[in-house]
Protein backbone atom coordinates (compact mmCIF):
# COMPACT_ATOMS: atom_id res chain seq x y z
CA MET A 1 -23.79 11.90 -3.10
CA SER A 2 -25.64 14.53 -1.13
CA GLN A 3 -23.90 17.36 0.68
CA SER A 4 -25.03 16.03 4.08
CA THR A 5 -23.57 12.60 3.26
CA GLN A 6 -20.27 14.23 2.28
CA LEU A 7 -20.24 16.24 5.51
CA SER A 8 -20.97 13.10 7.52
CA GLN A 9 -18.10 11.24 5.86
CA THR A 10 -15.77 14.20 6.39
CA SER A 11 -16.73 14.31 10.06
CA GLN A 12 -15.97 10.61 10.42
CA LEU A 13 -12.58 11.06 8.76
CA ASN A 14 -11.78 13.99 11.01
CA GLU A 15 -12.18 11.70 14.03
CA LEU A 16 -9.35 9.47 12.83
CA THR A 17 -5.69 10.23 13.46
CA THR A 18 -3.36 10.73 10.54
CA LEU A 19 -1.75 7.38 11.35
CA GLU A 20 -5.14 5.63 11.37
CA LEU A 21 -5.95 7.15 7.98
CA ALA A 22 -2.59 6.03 6.59
CA GLN A 23 -3.09 2.54 7.99
CA ALA A 24 -6.54 2.37 6.40
CA LEU A 25 -5.05 3.44 3.07
CA MET A 26 -2.30 0.83 3.40
CA GLU A 27 -4.89 -1.84 4.15
CA ARG A 28 -6.99 -0.78 1.16
CA LEU A 29 -3.99 -0.86 -1.20
CA SER A 30 -2.44 -4.09 0.10
CA ILE A 31 -2.72 -7.03 -2.23
CA SER A 32 -4.84 -9.71 -0.57
CA PRO A 33 -3.79 -13.37 -0.71
CA ASN A 34 -6.76 -14.03 -3.03
CA ASP A 35 -5.47 -11.43 -5.51
CA TRP A 36 -1.77 -12.22 -5.17
CA HIS A 37 -1.31 -14.26 -8.34
CA ARG A 38 -3.35 -11.82 -10.41
CA LEU A 39 -1.59 -8.67 -9.13
CA LYS A 40 1.90 -9.84 -8.10
CA SER A 41 3.43 -8.38 -11.28
CA ASN A 42 1.14 -5.34 -11.56
CA ARG A 43 3.67 -2.55 -11.18
CA ASN A 44 1.15 0.15 -10.27
CA SER A 45 -0.52 -2.00 -7.61
CA ARG A 46 2.83 -3.01 -6.12
CA ALA A 47 4.07 0.62 -6.07
CA ASN A 48 0.82 1.79 -4.45
CA GLU A 49 1.19 -0.85 -1.78
CA GLN A 50 4.79 0.15 -1.01
CA VAL A 51 4.15 3.92 -0.96
CA ALA A 52 1.24 3.48 1.46
CA ALA A 53 3.46 1.37 3.74
CA ALA A 54 6.17 4.04 3.54
CA ILE A 55 3.71 6.70 4.74
CA VAL A 56 2.79 4.55 7.74
CA TYR A 57 6.46 4.07 8.63
CA LEU A 58 7.14 7.80 8.29
CA LEU A 59 4.26 8.58 10.63
CA LYS A 60 5.68 6.04 13.09
CA ASN A 61 9.03 7.87 12.91
CA GLN A 62 10.79 4.95 11.22
CA PRO A 63 12.52 6.68 8.30
CA GLN A 64 14.77 3.76 7.35
CA GLU A 65 11.76 1.46 6.90
CA ALA A 66 9.97 4.19 4.96
CA GLN A 67 12.96 4.64 2.67
CA ALA A 68 13.17 0.90 1.98
CA ARG A 69 9.50 0.88 0.96
CA LEU A 70 9.95 3.95 -1.24
CA GLU A 71 12.94 2.32 -2.94
CA GLN A 72 10.79 -0.76 -3.59
CA ALA A 73 8.07 1.45 -5.08
CA ILE A 74 10.59 3.15 -7.36
CA GLY A 75 11.91 -0.26 -8.40
CA TRP A 76 8.42 -1.32 -9.43
CA LEU A 77 7.87 1.90 -11.35
CA ASP A 78 11.23 1.96 -13.15
CA ARG A 79 11.06 -1.78 -13.81
CA SER A 80 14.31 -2.52 -11.98
CA ILE A 81 12.58 -5.19 -9.87
CA SER A 82 10.13 -7.96 -10.67
CA ALA A 83 7.96 -10.32 -8.68
CA PRO A 84 9.78 -13.42 -7.47
CA PRO A 85 8.32 -16.77 -8.51
CA CYS A 86 5.64 -18.19 -6.25
CA PRO A 87 7.30 -20.48 -3.67
CA THR A 88 4.49 -23.04 -3.99
CA HIS A 89 4.95 -23.52 -7.75
CA GLY A 90 7.61 -25.51 -9.52
CA LYS A 91 8.53 -27.71 -6.57
CA SER A 92 8.83 -31.42 -7.16
């Protein structure tokens, strides 16, 4: 990547608010419906998703929501929580 390309990208990022950057990160790290079955038990992916959401809530001055997301992330990392079964499977 050339230096001018890096400067251009940095300039574009500087135009975004901190909240917009956090929301973009959250969107990037969110598990899409197409990837849900593949990643629903991936502890790193799930923790990433929750930490990014926590940052957004902190920036929106919603500390209780941020804390809940951080606790979820810790649960994924320390293996104290697991993915629930898919609601569309196993039904007769």
